[in-house]
Amino acid sequence: MMFQPLDDFSFPSPPCTVDQVVELLYYDISLRDKVIMAQLSEQELDSIVYLSMAKTIRKEFGLFSGNTDLLSSCSSYLGRKYDTYEDPAMVIIKELWVKVKKTHNLLLVTKKNHPAT
C-alpha cells in the first residue's frame, strides 16, 4: 500500500520543505490509496501508514542523509502542530493525511424517495 520508492527518478534538487514532499507523495499514490488513507483515524495512521511509508520517506527524501532543509521544515511542525516526540517522517505522513482527508473523503449519499408528480 501507498508510496513506492522513486528508484528511477532523481531530483534536480531534493525537496526541502514538508509541502514539497507532500505534493510529490500526493501525486504518486493511487486514487484507491488516497481514499483509504482519507478514511483512517489518526491512530490508524500511526500504526498502519507509518509502518509502511516511513522508511521509504526517510530514504527517498534524505531525512537521515543530509537534507537539513527538509529536517528543519519538519521540525517547524513539532511542538506546534504535532507532538515533539514524532519523527520527521511522521510529520510528512500526517500532512499528507490532512491533504487527502480534504480532497478524497467519501461522503455518504442517500437516495430519497420522491412522490410522483
N, C-alpha and C. Protein backbone atom coordinates (compact mmCIF):
# COMPACT_ATOMS: atom_id res chain seq x y z
N MET A 1 0.84 -1.19 0.00
CA MET A 1 0.00 0.00 0.00
C MET A 1 0.87 1.24 0.00
N MET A 2 0.41 2.24 -0.61
CA MET A 2 0.98 3.57 -0.56
C MET A 2 2.18 3.80 -1.47
N PHE A 3 2.95 4.76 -1.09
CA PHE A 3 4.07 5.29 -1.85
C PHE A 3 5.11 4.24 -2.19
N GLN A 4 5.54 4.25 -3.43
CA GLN A 4 6.58 3.34 -3.88
C GLN A 4 7.88 4.12 -4.05
N PRO A 5 9.03 3.50 -3.79
CA PRO A 5 10.30 4.21 -3.94
C PRO A 5 10.49 4.77 -5.34
N LEU A 6 11.17 5.87 -5.41
CA LEU A 6 11.41 6.56 -6.68
C LEU A 6 12.79 6.21 -7.23
N ASP A 7 13.11 4.92 -7.33
CA ASP A 7 14.44 4.47 -7.73
C ASP A 7 14.91 5.03 -9.06
N ASP A 8 14.02 5.15 -10.03
CA ASP A 8 14.41 5.59 -11.36
C ASP A 8 14.30 7.09 -11.55
N PHE A 9 14.08 7.81 -10.49
CA PHE A 9 13.88 9.25 -10.60
C PHE A 9 14.91 9.96 -9.75
N SER A 10 15.55 10.96 -10.30
CA SER A 10 16.47 11.75 -9.49
C SER A 10 15.96 13.18 -9.47
N PHE A 11 16.00 13.78 -8.31
CA PHE A 11 15.51 15.13 -8.15
C PHE A 11 16.57 16.11 -8.65
N PRO A 12 16.17 17.15 -9.39
CA PRO A 12 17.14 18.17 -9.77
C PRO A 12 17.75 18.78 -8.51
N SER A 13 16.93 18.96 -7.51
CA SER A 13 17.38 19.32 -6.17
C SER A 13 16.39 18.65 -5.22
N PRO A 14 16.87 18.14 -4.12
CA PRO A 14 15.95 17.43 -3.23
C PRO A 14 14.89 18.39 -2.67
N PRO A 15 13.68 17.88 -2.45
CA PRO A 15 12.65 18.73 -1.85
C PRO A 15 13.12 19.20 -0.48
N CYS A 16 12.89 20.46 -0.18
CA CYS A 16 13.43 20.99 1.08
C CYS A 16 12.35 21.47 2.04
N THR A 17 11.08 21.23 1.70
CA THR A 17 10.01 21.57 2.63
C THR A 17 9.02 20.42 2.73
N VAL A 18 8.30 20.41 3.81
CA VAL A 18 7.25 19.41 4.00
C VAL A 18 6.23 19.52 2.88
N ASP A 19 5.85 20.73 2.51
CA ASP A 19 4.85 20.92 1.45
C ASP A 19 5.31 20.32 0.12
N GLN A 20 6.58 20.47 -0.22
CA GLN A 20 7.10 19.90 -1.47
C GLN A 20 7.03 18.38 -1.45
N VAL A 21 7.39 17.77 -0.34
CA VAL A 21 7.35 16.31 -0.24
C VAL A 21 5.90 15.83 -0.29
N VAL A 22 5.02 16.52 0.42
CA VAL A 22 3.60 16.14 0.42
C VAL A 22 3.05 16.19 -1.00
N GLU A 23 3.39 17.21 -1.77
CA GLU A 23 2.92 17.30 -3.15
C GLU A 23 3.43 16.12 -3.99
N LEU A 24 4.69 15.78 -3.85
CA LEU A 24 5.24 14.64 -4.58
C LEU A 24 4.52 13.35 -4.22
N LEU A 25 4.33 13.12 -2.94
CA LEU A 25 3.65 11.91 -2.49
C LEU A 25 2.19 11.90 -2.93
N TYR A 26 1.55 13.04 -2.83
CA TYR A 26 0.14 13.15 -3.19
C TYR A 26 -0.09 12.72 -4.64
N TYR A 27 0.79 13.14 -5.52
CA TYR A 27 0.63 12.78 -6.93
C TYR A 27 1.17 11.40 -7.25
N ASP A 28 1.91 10.80 -6.33
CA ASP A 28 2.46 9.47 -6.56
C ASP A 28 1.53 8.36 -6.12
N ILE A 29 0.79 8.57 -5.05
CA ILE A 29 -0.06 7.48 -4.55
C ILE A 29 -1.34 7.39 -5.37
N SER A 30 -1.87 6.19 -5.44
CA SER A 30 -3.04 5.92 -6.27
C SER A 30 -4.31 6.53 -5.65
N LEU A 31 -5.31 6.66 -6.50
CA LEU A 31 -6.62 7.14 -6.05
C LEU A 31 -7.15 6.24 -4.94
N ARG A 32 -7.04 4.95 -5.13
CA ARG A 32 -7.51 3.98 -4.13
C ARG A 32 -6.84 4.23 -2.78
N ASP A 33 -5.52 4.42 -2.79
CA ASP A 33 -4.80 4.63 -1.54
C ASP A 33 -5.15 5.97 -0.90
N LYS A 34 -5.42 6.98 -1.71
CA LYS A 34 -5.85 8.27 -1.16
C LYS A 34 -7.18 8.13 -0.44
N VAL A 35 -8.12 7.41 -1.06
CA VAL A 35 -9.44 7.22 -0.45
C VAL A 35 -9.31 6.42 0.85
N ILE A 36 -8.50 5.37 0.82
CA ILE A 36 -8.29 4.56 2.02
C ILE A 36 -7.66 5.42 3.11
N MET A 37 -6.63 6.15 2.76
CA MET A 37 -5.93 6.98 3.74
C MET A 37 -6.86 8.03 4.34
N ALA A 38 -7.73 8.61 3.53
CA ALA A 38 -8.65 9.64 3.99
C ALA A 38 -9.63 9.11 5.04
N GLN A 39 -9.90 7.81 5.00
CA GLN A 39 -10.86 7.21 5.94
C GLN A 39 -10.23 6.79 7.26
N LEU A 40 -8.91 6.85 7.36
CA LEU A 40 -8.23 6.38 8.56
C LEU A 40 -8.31 7.40 9.69
N SER A 41 -8.35 6.89 10.91
CA SER A 41 -8.24 7.75 12.08
C SER A 41 -6.76 8.08 12.29
N GLU A 42 -6.48 9.03 13.13
CA GLU A 42 -5.08 9.36 13.40
C GLU A 42 -4.34 8.18 14.03
N GLN A 43 -5.03 7.43 14.88
CA GLN A 43 -4.42 6.25 15.49
C GLN A 43 -4.10 5.19 14.44
N GLU A 44 -5.01 4.96 13.50
CA GLU A 44 -4.75 4.01 12.42
C GLU A 44 -3.61 4.50 11.53
N LEU A 45 -3.55 5.78 11.32
CA LEU A 45 -2.47 6.36 10.52
C LEU A 45 -1.13 6.05 11.16
N ASP A 46 -1.06 6.22 12.47
CA ASP A 46 0.18 5.95 13.20
C ASP A 46 0.61 4.49 13.06
N SER A 47 -0.35 3.58 13.14
CA SER A 47 0.02 2.16 13.15
C SER A 47 0.07 1.52 11.77
N ILE A 48 -0.72 1.96 10.83
CA ILE A 48 -0.77 1.31 9.52
C ILE A 48 0.12 2.02 8.50
N VAL A 49 -0.13 3.28 8.27
CA VAL A 49 0.57 4.01 7.21
C VAL A 49 2.02 4.28 7.60
N TYR A 50 2.23 4.68 8.83
CA TYR A 50 3.59 4.99 9.27
C TYR A 50 4.52 3.80 9.04
N LEU A 51 4.08 2.63 9.43
CA LEU A 51 4.92 1.45 9.28
C LEU A 51 5.26 1.14 7.83
N SER A 52 4.33 1.43 6.92
CA SER A 52 4.57 1.10 5.51
C SER A 52 5.31 2.20 4.75
N MET A 53 5.26 3.44 5.22
CA MET A 53 5.83 4.54 4.44
C MET A 53 7.06 5.20 5.03
N ALA A 54 7.24 5.16 6.33
CA ALA A 54 8.28 5.96 6.99
C ALA A 54 9.69 5.65 6.48
N LYS A 55 10.03 4.39 6.38
CA LYS A 55 11.38 4.02 5.95
C LYS A 55 11.67 4.54 4.54
N THR A 56 10.71 4.39 3.65
CA THR A 56 10.89 4.85 2.28
C THR A 56 11.01 6.38 2.23
N ILE A 57 10.19 7.07 2.99
CA ILE A 57 10.25 8.54 3.02
C ILE A 57 11.61 8.99 3.54
N ARG A 58 12.08 8.37 4.60
CA ARG A 58 13.40 8.75 5.15
C ARG A 58 14.50 8.60 4.10
N LYS A 59 14.46 7.48 3.38
CA LYS A 59 15.49 7.20 2.38
C LYS A 59 15.36 8.10 1.16
N GLU A 60 14.17 8.17 0.59
CA GLU A 60 13.96 8.90 -0.66
C GLU A 60 14.20 10.40 -0.54
N PHE A 61 13.90 10.97 0.61
CA PHE A 61 13.99 12.41 0.75
C PHE A 61 15.14 12.86 1.64
N GLY A 62 16.02 11.93 1.97
CA GLY A 62 17.26 12.26 2.66
C GLY A 62 17.11 12.74 4.09
N LEU A 63 16.10 12.24 4.79
CA LEU A 63 15.89 12.69 6.16
C LEU A 63 17.04 12.30 7.08
N PHE A 64 17.69 11.17 6.81
CA PHE A 64 18.81 10.76 7.65
C PHE A 64 20.12 10.80 6.89
N SER A 65 20.12 11.51 5.75
CA SER A 65 21.37 11.56 4.98
C SER A 65 21.66 12.97 4.46
N GLY A 66 21.38 13.96 5.27
CA GLY A 66 21.85 15.29 4.95
C GLY A 66 20.87 16.31 4.41
N ASN A 67 19.60 16.01 4.28
CA ASN A 67 18.65 17.02 3.81
C ASN A 67 18.23 17.89 5.00
N THR A 68 19.14 18.75 5.40
CA THR A 68 18.90 19.57 6.60
C THR A 68 17.76 20.57 6.42
N ASP A 69 17.55 21.03 5.19
CA ASP A 69 16.43 21.96 4.95
C ASP A 69 15.10 21.27 5.23
N LEU A 70 14.96 20.04 4.76
CA LEU A 70 13.73 19.29 4.99
C LEU A 70 13.57 18.96 6.47
N LEU A 71 14.65 18.58 7.12
CA LEU A 71 14.58 18.30 8.56
C LEU A 71 14.14 19.55 9.33
N SER A 72 14.65 20.69 8.93
CA SER A 72 14.28 21.94 9.58
C SER A 72 12.80 22.25 9.34
N SER A 73 12.33 22.00 8.12
CA SER A 73 10.92 22.22 7.81
C SER A 73 10.03 21.31 8.66
N CYS A 74 10.42 20.05 8.79
CA CYS A 74 9.67 19.11 9.63
C CYS A 74 9.67 19.56 11.08
N SER A 75 10.81 20.02 11.56
CA SER A 75 10.94 20.46 12.95
C SER A 75 10.02 21.64 13.26
N SER A 76 9.76 22.47 12.24
CA SER A 76 8.90 23.63 12.47
C SER A 76 7.46 23.22 12.81
N TYR A 77 7.07 21.99 12.47
CA TYR A 77 5.73 21.48 12.80
C TYR A 77 5.67 20.89 14.20
N LEU A 78 6.81 20.44 14.71
CA LEU A 78 6.83 19.76 16.00
C LEU A 78 6.67 20.77 17.13
N GLY A 79 5.84 20.40 18.09
CA GLY A 79 5.58 21.28 19.22
C GLY A 79 4.52 22.32 18.90
N ARG A 80 4.20 22.49 17.64
CA ARG A 80 3.18 23.45 17.23
C ARG A 80 1.95 22.70 16.73
N LYS A 81 2.15 21.84 15.74
CA LYS A 81 1.04 21.06 15.20
C LYS A 81 1.06 19.61 15.68
N TYR A 82 2.24 19.11 16.00
CA TYR A 82 2.40 17.71 16.37
C TYR A 82 3.21 17.60 17.64
N ASP A 83 3.11 16.43 18.28
CA ASP A 83 3.88 16.19 19.49
C ASP A 83 5.37 16.25 19.18
N THR A 84 6.13 16.73 20.12
CA THR A 84 7.57 16.90 19.91
C THR A 84 8.31 15.58 19.77
N TYR A 85 7.70 14.46 20.17
CA TYR A 85 8.38 13.17 20.08
C TYR A 85 8.30 12.55 18.68
N GLU A 86 7.45 13.07 17.81
CA GLU A 86 7.27 12.47 16.50
C GLU A 86 8.48 12.74 15.61
N ASP A 87 8.74 11.80 14.72
CA ASP A 87 9.89 11.97 13.84
C ASP A 87 9.48 12.69 12.55
N PRO A 88 10.46 13.16 11.78
CA PRO A 88 10.15 13.91 10.56
C PRO A 88 9.28 13.15 9.56
N ALA A 89 9.47 11.84 9.44
CA ALA A 89 8.65 11.07 8.51
C ALA A 89 7.18 11.13 8.91
N MET A 90 6.89 11.09 10.20
CA MET A 90 5.51 11.16 10.65
C MET A 90 4.91 12.53 10.38
N VAL A 91 5.69 13.57 10.49
CA VAL A 91 5.20 14.91 10.16
C VAL A 91 4.73 14.94 8.70
N ILE A 92 5.54 14.39 7.81
CA ILE A 92 5.21 14.36 6.38
C ILE A 92 3.95 13.51 6.15
N ILE A 93 3.89 12.35 6.78
CA ILE A 93 2.74 11.46 6.61
C ILE A 93 1.46 12.14 7.11
N LYS A 94 1.53 12.81 8.25
CA LYS A 94 0.33 13.46 8.78
C LYS A 94 -0.11 14.62 7.90
N GLU A 95 0.83 15.35 7.35
CA GLU A 95 0.45 16.44 6.44
C GLU A 95 -0.17 15.89 5.16
N LEU A 96 0.34 14.77 4.67
CA LEU A 96 -0.26 14.11 3.51
C LEU A 96 -1.68 13.66 3.86
N TRP A 97 -1.84 13.09 5.03
CA TRP A 97 -3.15 12.62 5.51
C TRP A 97 -4.15 13.78 5.58
N VAL A 98 -3.72 14.92 6.09
CA VAL A 98 -4.59 16.10 6.17
C VAL A 98 -5.04 16.49 4.76
N LYS A 99 -4.11 16.46 3.81
CA LYS A 99 -4.44 16.84 2.43
C LYS A 99 -5.44 15.86 1.81
N VAL A 100 -5.21 14.56 1.95
CA VAL A 100 -6.13 13.60 1.33
C VAL A 100 -7.48 13.58 2.04
N LYS A 101 -7.52 13.90 3.31
CA LYS A 101 -8.82 13.98 4.01
C LYS A 101 -9.66 15.12 3.42
N LYS A 102 -8.99 16.18 2.99
CA LYS A 102 -9.71 17.31 2.39
C LYS A 102 -10.19 17.00 0.98
N THR A 103 -9.44 16.19 0.25
CA THR A 103 -9.73 16.00 -1.16
C THR A 103 -10.36 14.65 -1.52
N HIS A 104 -10.23 13.65 -0.65
CA HIS A 104 -10.68 12.31 -1.01
C HIS A 104 -11.53 11.64 0.07
N ASN A 105 -12.16 12.42 0.91
CA ASN A 105 -13.01 11.87 1.95
C ASN A 105 -14.37 11.54 1.33
N LEU A 106 -14.76 10.28 1.41
CA LEU A 106 -16.04 9.86 0.84
C LEU A 106 -17.19 10.31 1.73
N LEU A 107 -18.23 10.76 1.10
CA LEU A 107 -19.43 11.16 1.82
C LEU A 107 -20.55 10.20 1.48
N LEU A 108 -21.35 9.88 2.45
CA LEU A 108 -22.49 9.00 2.23
C LEU A 108 -23.61 9.80 1.60
N VAL A 109 -24.08 9.32 0.49
CA VAL A 109 -25.19 9.97 -0.21
C VAL A 109 -26.39 9.02 -0.13
N THR A 110 -27.48 9.54 0.34
CA THR A 110 -28.66 8.69 0.44
C THR A 110 -29.69 9.12 -0.61
N LYS A 111 -30.42 8.14 -1.05
CA LYS A 111 -31.45 8.40 -2.06
C LYS A 111 -32.77 8.61 -1.32
N LYS A 112 -33.40 9.72 -1.64
CA LYS A 112 -34.70 9.99 -1.04
C LYS A 112 -35.77 9.61 -2.04
N ASN A 113 -36.82 9.03 -1.52
CA ASN A 113 -37.97 8.69 -2.38
C ASN A 113 -38.81 9.93 -2.58
N HIS A 114 -38.97 10.31 -3.83
CA HIS A 114 -39.80 11.48 -4.13
C HIS A 114 -41.15 10.98 -4.64
N PRO A 115 -42.22 11.56 -4.14
CA PRO A 115 -43.54 11.17 -4.65
C PRO A 115 -43.68 11.58 -6.10
N ALA A 116 -44.39 10.78 -6.84
CA ALA A 116 -44.62 11.09 -8.26
C ALA A 116 -45.43 12.36 -8.37
N THR A 117 -45.06 13.16 -9.34
CA THR A 117 -45.80 14.41 -9.52
C THR A 117 -46.78 14.32 -10.63
